[in-house]
Amino acid sequence: MKLKLARASIDKKPKAIEVDKIEEDLEKKSIFYFDKENTHKDLKALIEHFETKTYSVYMREVKFGLNDDEYLYEVHIVK
């Protein structure tokens, strides 16, 4: 499954990342930021994937502007 990481700036396209790569990066960090272009279904599948591997996962929507479409998803994945 591929997800899109949060954009570095508004005019750039989001970079894609595989779930396997997220698992590898868990040794270095536990917070990931995903772009608003990800579907809720894909984010829910990500949460379920890590919960079946006995991780605790917390996801929230973070607004960074006044417009309704200025948000990203913050996901915490901890053992």
PDB file of N, CA and C in Angstrom:
ATOM      1  N   MET A   1       0.838  -1.170   0.000  1.00  0.00           N
ATOM      2  CA  MET A   1       0.000   0.000   0.000  1.00  0.00           C
ATOM      3  C   MET A   1       0.889   1.241   0.000  1.00  0.00           C
ATOM      4  N   LYS A   2       0.539   2.219  -0.825  1.00  0.00           N
ATOM      5  CA  LYS A   2       1.275   3.477  -0.905  1.00  0.00           C
ATOM      6  C   LYS A   2       0.442   4.593  -0.309  1.00  0.00           C
ATOM      7  N   LEU A   3       1.118   5.452   0.442  1.00  0.00           N
ATOM      8  CA  LEU A   3       0.489   6.642   0.993  1.00  0.00           C
ATOM      9  C   LEU A   3       1.311   7.847   0.590  1.00  0.00           C
ATOM     10  N   LYS A   4       0.696   9.018   0.632  1.00  0.00           N
ATOM     11  CA  LYS A   4       1.396  10.242   0.252  1.00  0.00           C
ATOM     12  C   LYS A   4       1.797  11.006   1.506  1.00  0.00           C
ATOM     13  N   LEU A   5       3.097  11.300   1.601  1.00  0.00           N
ATOM     14  CA  LEU A   5       3.594  12.094   2.718  1.00  0.00           C
ATOM     15  C   LEU A   5       3.168  13.545   2.544  1.00  0.00           C
ATOM     16  N   ALA A   6       3.141  14.285   3.632  1.00  0.00           N
ATOM     17  CA  ALA A   6       2.753  15.689   3.572  1.00  0.00           C
ATOM     18  C   ALA A   6       3.717  16.468   2.686  1.00  0.00           C
ATOM     19  N   ARG A   7       3.197  17.453   2.000  1.00  0.00           N
ATOM     20  CA  ARG A   7       3.999  18.281   1.105  1.00  0.00           C
ATOM     21  C   ARG A   7       4.945  19.174   1.903  1.00  0.00           C
ATOM     22  N   ALA A   8       6.094  19.455   1.322  1.00  0.00           N
ATOM     23  CA  ALA A   8       7.033  20.388   1.937  1.00  0.00           C
ATOM     24  C   ALA A   8       6.595  21.833   1.698  1.00  0.00           C
ATOM     25  N   SER A   9       5.917  22.081   0.581  1.00  0.00           N
ATOM     26  CA  SER A   9       5.338  23.393   0.310  1.00  0.00           C
ATOM     27  C   SER A   9       4.058  23.197  -0.500  1.00  0.00           C
ATOM     28  N   ILE A  10       3.226  24.198  -0.520  1.00  0.00           N
ATOM     29  CA  ILE A  10       1.896  24.078  -1.128  1.00  0.00           C
ATOM     30  C   ILE A  10       1.951  23.801  -2.624  1.00  0.00           C
ATOM     31  N   ASP A  11       2.952  24.333  -3.317  1.00  0.00           N
ATOM     32  CA  ASP A  11       3.011  24.173  -4.771  1.00  0.00           C
ATOM     33  C   ASP A  11       3.711  22.899  -5.240  1.00  0.00           C
ATOM     34  N   LYS A  12       4.204  22.080  -4.327  1.00  0.00           N
ATOM     35  CA  LYS A  12       4.869  20.819  -4.698  1.00  0.00           C
ATOM     36  C   LYS A  12       3.895  19.657  -4.584  1.00  0.00           C
ATOM     37  N   LYS A  13       4.221  18.583  -5.293  1.00  0.00           N
ATOM     38  CA  LYS A  13       3.414  17.367  -5.205  1.00  0.00           C
ATOM     39  C   LYS A  13       3.900  16.522  -4.024  1.00  0.00           C
ATOM     40  N   PRO A  14       2.980  15.795  -3.380  1.00  0.00           N
ATOM     41  CA  PRO A  14       3.390  14.944  -2.260  1.00  0.00           C
ATOM     42  C   PRO A  14       4.177  13.718  -2.739  1.00  0.00           C
ATOM     43  N   LYS A  15       5.129  13.275  -1.925  1.00  0.00           N
ATOM     44  CA  LYS A  15       5.908  12.081  -2.246  1.00  0.00           C
ATOM     45  C   LYS A  15       5.185  10.850  -1.691  1.00  0.00           C
ATOM     46  N   ALA A  16       5.293   9.759  -2.414  1.00  0.00           N
ATOM     47  CA  ALA A  16       4.654   8.508  -1.995  1.00  0.00           C
ATOM     48  C   ALA A  16       5.622   7.678  -1.161  1.00  0.00           C
ATOM     49  N   ILE A  17       5.068   6.894  -0.239  1.00  0.00           N
ATOM     50  CA  ILE A  17       5.874   6.017   0.603  1.00  0.00           C
ATOM     51  C   ILE A  17       5.109   4.709   0.789  1.00  0.00           C
ATOM     52  N   GLU A  18       5.847   3.617   0.809  1.00  0.00           N
ATOM     53  CA  GLU A  18       5.263   2.287   1.044  1.00  0.00           C
ATOM     54  C   GLU A  18       5.176   2.011   2.545  1.00  0.00           C
ATOM     55  N   VAL A  19       4.251   1.163   2.939  1.00  0.00           N
ATOM     56  CA  VAL A  19       4.093   0.798   4.350  1.00  0.00           C
ATOM     57  C   VAL A  19       5.358   0.106   4.868  1.00  0.00           C
ATOM     58  N   ASP A  20       6.015  -0.681   4.021  1.00  0.00           N
ATOM     59  CA  ASP A  20       7.260  -1.346   4.435  1.00  0.00           C
ATOM     60  C   ASP A  20       8.330  -0.337   4.818  1.00  0.00           C
ATOM     61  N   LYS A  21       8.403   0.757   4.088  1.00  0.00           N
ATOM     62  CA  LYS A  21       9.379   1.804   4.377  1.00  0.00           C
ATOM     63  C   LYS A  21       9.035   2.497   5.693  1.00  0.00           C
ATOM     64  N   ILE A  22       7.756   2.664   5.979  1.00  0.00           N
ATOM     65  CA  ILE A  22       7.335   3.245   7.258  1.00  0.00           C
ATOM     66  C   ILE A  22       7.779   2.347   8.399  1.00  0.00           C
ATOM     67  N   GLU A  23       7.619   1.030   8.226  1.00  0.00           N
ATOM     68  CA  GLU A  23       8.058   0.081   9.258  1.00  0.00           C
ATOM     69  C   GLU A  23       9.555   0.184   9.514  1.00  0.00           C
ATOM     70  N   GLU A  24      10.339   0.329   8.458  1.00  0.00           N
ATOM     71  CA  GLU A  24      11.786   0.485   8.613  1.00  0.00           C
ATOM     72  C   GLU A  24      12.124   1.777   9.349  1.00  0.00           C
ATOM     73  N   ASP A  25      11.392   2.845   9.056  1.00  0.00           N
ATOM     74  CA  ASP A  25      11.663   4.147   9.663  1.00  0.00           C
ATOM     75  C   ASP A  25      11.206   4.241  11.113  1.00  0.00           C
ATOM     76  N   LEU A  26      10.433   3.268  11.590  1.00  0.00           N
ATOM     77  CA  LEU A  26       9.947   3.313  12.969  1.00  0.00           C
ATOM     78  C   LEU A  26      11.072   3.254  13.995  1.00  0.00           C
ATOM     79  N   GLU A  27      12.209   2.734  13.619  1.00  0.00           N
ATOM     80  CA  GLU A  27      13.342   2.698  14.543  1.00  0.00           C
ATOM     81  C   GLU A  27      13.888   4.102  14.793  1.00  0.00           C
ATOM     82  N   LYS A  28      13.729   5.005  13.806  1.00  0.00           N
ATOM     83  CA  LYS A  28      14.260   6.362  13.912  1.00  0.00           C
ATOM     84  C   LYS A  28      13.230   7.374  14.399  1.00  0.00           C
ATOM     85  N   LYS A  29      11.965   7.202  13.994  1.00  0.00           N
ATOM     86  CA  LYS A  29      10.934   8.159  14.378  1.00  0.00           C
ATOM     87  C   LYS A  29       9.591   7.458  14.522  1.00  0.00           C
ATOM     88  N   SER A  30       8.672   8.101  15.234  1.00  0.00           N
ATOM     89  CA  SER A  30       7.365   7.480  15.454  1.00  0.00           C
ATOM     90  C   SER A  30       6.205   8.358  14.984  1.00  0.00           C
ATOM     91  N   ILE A  31       6.495   9.565  14.502  1.00  0.00           N
ATOM     92  CA  ILE A  31       5.452  10.467  14.023  1.00  0.00           C
ATOM     93  C   ILE A  31       5.626  10.679  12.525  1.00  0.00           C
ATOM     94  N   PHE A  32       4.541  10.493  11.793  1.00  0.00           N
ATOM     95  CA  PHE A  32       4.550  10.666  10.345  1.00  0.00           C
ATOM     96  C   PHE A  32       3.441  11.632   9.963  1.00  0.00           C
ATOM     97  N   TYR A  33       3.700  12.436   8.943  1.00  0.00           N
ATOM     98  CA  TYR A  33       2.715  13.399   8.451  1.00  0.00           C
ATOM     99  C   TYR A  33       2.320  13.022   7.034  1.00  0.00           C
ATOM    100  N   PHE A  34       1.011  12.882   6.812  1.00  0.00           N
ATOM    101  CA  PHE A  34       0.492  12.456   5.523  1.00  0.00           C
ATOM    102  C   PHE A  34      -0.355  13.559   4.902  1.00  0.00           C
ATOM    103  N   ASP A  35      -0.370  13.584   3.584  1.00  0.00           N
ATOM    104  CA  ASP A  35      -1.053  14.611   2.826  1.00  0.00           C
ATOM    105  C   ASP A  35      -2.565  14.413   2.846  1.00  0.00           C
ATOM    106  N   LYS A  36      -3.286  15.496   2.611  1.00  0.00           N
ATOM    107  CA  LYS A  36      -4.751  15.441   2.583  1.00  0.00           C
ATOM    108  C   LYS A  36      -5.291  14.670   1.384  1.00  0.00           C
ATOM    109  N   GLU A  37      -4.438  14.375   0.389  1.00  0.00           N
ATOM    110  CA  GLU A  37      -4.870  13.610  -0.773  1.00  0.00           C
ATOM    111  C   GLU A  37      -5.079  12.124  -0.465  1.00  0.00           C
ATOM    112  N   ASN A  38      -4.604  11.650   0.674  1.00  0.00           N
ATOM    113  CA  ASN A  38      -4.832  10.261   1.066  1.00  0.00           C
ATOM    114  C   ASN A  38      -6.299  10.085   1.417  1.00  0.00           C
ATOM    115  N   THR A  39      -6.836   8.943   1.053  1.00  0.00           N
ATOM    116  CA  THR A  39      -8.224   8.673   1.408  1.00  0.00           C
ATOM    117  C   THR A  39      -8.301   8.202   2.859  1.00  0.00           C
ATOM    118  N   HIS A  40      -9.450   8.437   3.452  1.00  0.00           N
ATOM    119  CA  HIS A  40      -9.650   7.996   4.833  1.00  0.00           C
ATOM    120  C   HIS A  40      -9.545   6.467   4.913  1.00  0.00           C
ATOM    121  N   LYS A  41      -9.978   5.810   3.870  1.00  0.00           N
ATOM    122  CA  LYS A  41      -9.917   4.340   3.802  1.00  0.00           C
ATOM    123  C   LYS A  41      -8.464   3.854   3.852  1.00  0.00           C
ATOM    124  N   ASP A  42      -7.564   4.516   3.122  1.00  0.00           N
ATOM    125  CA  ASP A  42      -6.153   4.127   3.136  1.00  0.00           C
ATOM    126  C   ASP A  42      -5.511   4.374   4.502  1.00  0.00           C
ATOM    127  N   LEU A  43      -5.847   5.490   5.126  1.00  0.00           N
ATOM    128  CA  LEU A  43      -5.300   5.779   6.450  1.00  0.00           C
ATOM    129  C   LEU A  43      -5.824   4.795   7.486  1.00  0.00           C
ATOM    130  N   LYS A  44      -7.077   4.417   7.355  1.00  0.00           N
ATOM    131  CA  LYS A  44      -7.656   3.417   8.258  1.00  0.00           C
ATOM    132  C   LYS A  44      -6.956   2.066   8.068  1.00  0.00           C
ATOM    133  N   ALA A  45      -6.638   1.716   6.821  1.00  0.00           N
ATOM    134  CA  ALA A  45      -5.920   0.469   6.542  1.00  0.00           C
ATOM    135  C   ALA A  45      -4.519   0.514   7.136  1.00  0.00           C
ATOM    136  N   LEU A  46      -3.875   1.675   7.099  1.00  0.00           N
ATOM    137  CA  LEU A  46      -2.559   1.834   7.721  1.00  0.00           C
ATOM    138  C   LEU A  46      -2.638   1.595   9.222  1.00  0.00           C
ATOM    139  N   ILE A  47      -3.633   2.167   9.850  1.00  0.00           N
ATOM    140  CA  ILE A  47      -3.820   1.991  11.296  1.00  0.00           C
ATOM    141  C   ILE A  47      -4.049   0.519  11.626  1.00  0.00           C
ATOM    142  N   GLU A  48      -4.918  -0.136  10.895  1.00  0.00           N
ATOM    143  CA  GLU A  48      -5.211  -1.551  11.134  1.00  0.00           C
ATOM    144  C   GLU A  48      -3.982  -2.416  10.903  1.00  0.00           C
ATOM    145  N   HIS A  49      -3.179  -2.075   9.899  1.00  0.00           N
ATOM    146  CA  HIS A  49      -1.958  -2.827   9.603  1.00  0.00           C
ATOM    147  C   HIS A  49      -1.024  -2.839  10.814  1.00  0.00           C
ATOM    148  N   PHE A  50      -0.810  -1.673  11.417  1.00  0.00           N
ATOM    149  CA  PHE A  50       0.113  -1.600  12.548  1.00  0.00           C
ATOM    150  C   PHE A  50      -0.508  -2.107  13.842  1.00  0.00           C
ATOM    151  N   GLU A  51      -1.810  -1.977  13.999  1.00  0.00           N
ATOM    152  CA  GLU A  51      -2.460  -2.500  15.200  1.00  0.00           C
ATOM    153  C   GLU A  51      -2.415  -4.024  15.233  1.00  0.00           C
ATOM    154  N   THR A  52      -2.441  -4.677  14.068  1.00  0.00           N
ATOM    155  CA  THR A  52      -2.334  -6.136  14.045  1.00  0.00           C
ATOM    156  C   THR A  52      -0.924  -6.589  14.409  1.00  0.00           C
ATOM    157  N   LYS A  53       0.037  -5.691  14.294  1.00  0.00           N
ATOM    158  CA  LYS A  53       1.424  -5.993  14.670  1.00  0.00           C
ATOM    159  C   LYS A  53       1.738  -5.470  16.067  1.00  0.00           C
ATOM    160  N   THR A  54       0.719  -5.271  16.891  1.00  0.00           N
ATOM    161  CA  THR A  54       0.793  -4.844  18.291  1.00  0.00           C
ATOM    162  C   THR A  54       1.408  -3.457  18.501  1.00  0.00           C
ATOM    163  N   TYR A  55       1.236  -2.567  17.550  1.00  0.00           N
ATOM    164  CA  TYR A  55       1.616  -1.164  17.725  1.00  0.00           C
ATOM    165  C   TYR A  55       0.391  -0.388  18.177  1.00  0.00           C
ATOM    166  N   SER A  56       0.613   0.695  18.886  1.00  0.00           N
ATOM    167  CA  SER A  56      -0.463   1.632  19.201  1.00  0.00           C
ATOM    168  C   SER A  56      -0.391   2.756  18.177  1.00  0.00           C
ATOM    169  N   VAL A  57      -1.526   3.084  17.580  1.00  0.00           N
ATOM    170  CA  VAL A  57      -1.551   4.084  16.519  1.00  0.00           C
ATOM    171  C   VAL A  57      -2.595   5.149  16.866  1.00  0.00           C
ATOM    172  N   TYR A  58      -2.179   6.399  16.715  1.00  0.00           N
ATOM    173  CA  TYR A  58      -3.067   7.534  16.958  1.00  0.00           C
ATOM    174  C   TYR A  58      -3.004   8.452  15.751  1.00  0.00           C
ATOM    175  N   MET A  59      -4.152   8.811  15.201  1.00  0.00           N
ATOM    176  CA  MET A  59      -4.196   9.693  14.035  1.00  0.00           C
ATOM    177  C   MET A  59      -5.082  10.894  14.351  1.00  0.00           C
ATOM    178  N   ARG A  60      -4.626  12.067  13.882  1.00  0.00           N
ATOM    179  CA  ARG A  60      -5.456  13.260  14.016  1.00  0.00           C
ATOM    180  C   ARG A  60      -5.263  14.159  12.813  1.00  0.00           C
ATOM    181  N   GLU A  61      -6.236  14.992  12.580  1.00  0.00           N
ATOM    182  CA  GLU A  61      -6.198  15.965  11.490  1.00  0.00           C
ATOM    183  C   GLU A  61      -5.635  17.273  12.048  1.00  0.00           C
ATOM    184  N   VAL A  62      -4.622  17.821  11.385  1.00  0.00           N
ATOM    185  CA  VAL A  62      -3.982  19.054  11.830  1.00  0.00           C
ATOM    186  C   VAL A  62      -4.258  20.152  10.810  1.00  0.00           C
ATOM    187  N   LYS A  63      -4.889  21.233  11.260  1.00  0.00           N
ATOM    188  CA  LYS A  63      -5.143  22.382  10.384  1.00  0.00           C
ATOM    189  C   LYS A  63      -3.961  23.327  10.486  1.00  0.00           C
ATOM    190  N   PHE A  64      -3.509  23.844   9.332  1.00  0.00           N
ATOM    191  CA  PHE A  64      -2.385  24.774   9.344  1.00  0.00           C
ATOM    192  C   PHE A  64      -2.743  26.115   8.708  1.00  0.00           C
ATOM    193  N   GLY A  65      -4.005  26.318   8.437  1.00  0.00           N
ATOM    194  CA  GLY A  65      -4.465  27.575   7.845  1.00  0.00           C
ATOM    195  C   GLY A  65      -5.926  27.811   8.175  1.00  0.00           C
ATOM    196  N   LEU A  66      -6.460  28.894   7.662  1.00  0.00           N
ATOM    197  CA  LEU A  66      -7.853  29.235   7.944  1.00  0.00           C
ATOM    198  C   LEU A  66      -8.842  28.563   7.006  1.00  0.00           C
ATOM    199  N   ASN A  67      -8.390  28.160   5.831  1.00  0.00           N
ATOM    200  CA  ASN A  67      -9.288  27.504   4.879  1.00  0.00           C
ATOM    201  C   ASN A  67      -9.559  26.066   5.288  1.00  0.00           C
ATOM    202  N   ASP A  68     -10.717  25.555   4.870  1.00  0.00           N
ATOM    203  CA  ASP A  68     -11.097  24.184   5.219  1.00  0.00           C
ATOM    204  C   ASP A  68     -10.197  23.138   4.582  1.00  0.00           C
ATOM    205  N   ASP A  69      -9.567  23.473   3.445  1.00  0.00           N
ATOM    206  CA  ASP A  69      -8.730  22.480   2.759  1.00  0.00           C
ATOM    207  C   ASP A  69      -7.251  22.584   3.131  1.00  0.00           C
ATOM    208  N   GLU A  70      -6.927  23.303   4.172  1.00  0.00           N
ATOM    209  CA  GLU A  70      -5.543  23.428   4.626  1.00  0.00           C
ATOM    210  C   GLU A  70      -5.336  22.555   5.867  1.00  0.00           C
ATOM    211  N   TYR A  71      -5.116  21.291   5.623  1.00  0.00           N
ATOM    212  CA  TYR A  71      -4.905  20.346   6.721  1.00  0.00           C
ATOM    213  C   TYR A  71      -4.013  19.205   6.251  1.00  0.00           C
ATOM    214  N   LEU A  72      -3.518  18.443   7.214  1.00  0.00           N
ATOM    215  CA  LEU A  72      -2.764  17.228   6.951  1.00  0.00           C
ATOM    216  C   LEU A  72      -3.073  16.253   8.077  1.00  0.00           C
ATOM    217  N   TYR A  73      -2.592  15.041   7.926  1.00  0.00           N
ATOM    218  CA  TYR A  73      -2.830  14.018   8.930  1.00  0.00           C
ATOM    219  C   TYR A  73      -1.535  13.727   9.681  1.00  0.00           C
ATOM    220  N   GLU A  74      -1.633  13.688  10.999  1.00  0.00           N
ATOM    221  CA  GLU A  74      -0.502  13.363  11.852  1.00  0.00           C
ATOM    222  C   GLU A  74      -0.768  11.968  12.439  1.00  0.00           C
ATOM    223  N   VAL A  75       0.176  11.050  12.243  1.00  0.00           N
ATOM    224  CA  VAL A  75       0.000   9.685  12.717  1.00  0.00           C
ATOM    225  C   VAL A  75       1.148   9.315  13.638  1.00  0.00           C
ATOM    226  N   HIS A  76       0.822   8.906  14.876  1.00  0.00           N
ATOM    227  CA  HIS A  76       1.812   8.439  15.835  1.00  0.00           C
ATOM    228  C   HIS A  76       1.748   6.917  15.867  1.00  0.00           C
ATOM    229  N   ILE A  77       2.886   6.278  15.709  1.00  0.00           N
ATOM    230  CA  ILE A  77       2.956   4.814  15.739  1.00  0.00           C
ATOM    231  C   ILE A  77       4.000   4.435  16.782  1.00  0.00           C
ATOM    232  N   VAL A  78       3.578   3.812  17.877  1.00  0.00           N
ATOM    233  CA  VAL A  78       4.500   3.443  18.951  1.00  0.00           C
ATOM    234  C   VAL A  78       4.295   1.988  19.353  1.00  0.00           C
ATOM    235  N   LYS A  79       5.344   1.386  19.858  1.00  0.00           N
ATOM    236  CA  LYS A  79       5.317  -0.008  20.293  1.00  0.00           C
ATOM    237  C   LYS A  79       4.803  -0.100  21.705  1.00  0.00           C
TER     238      LYS A  79
END
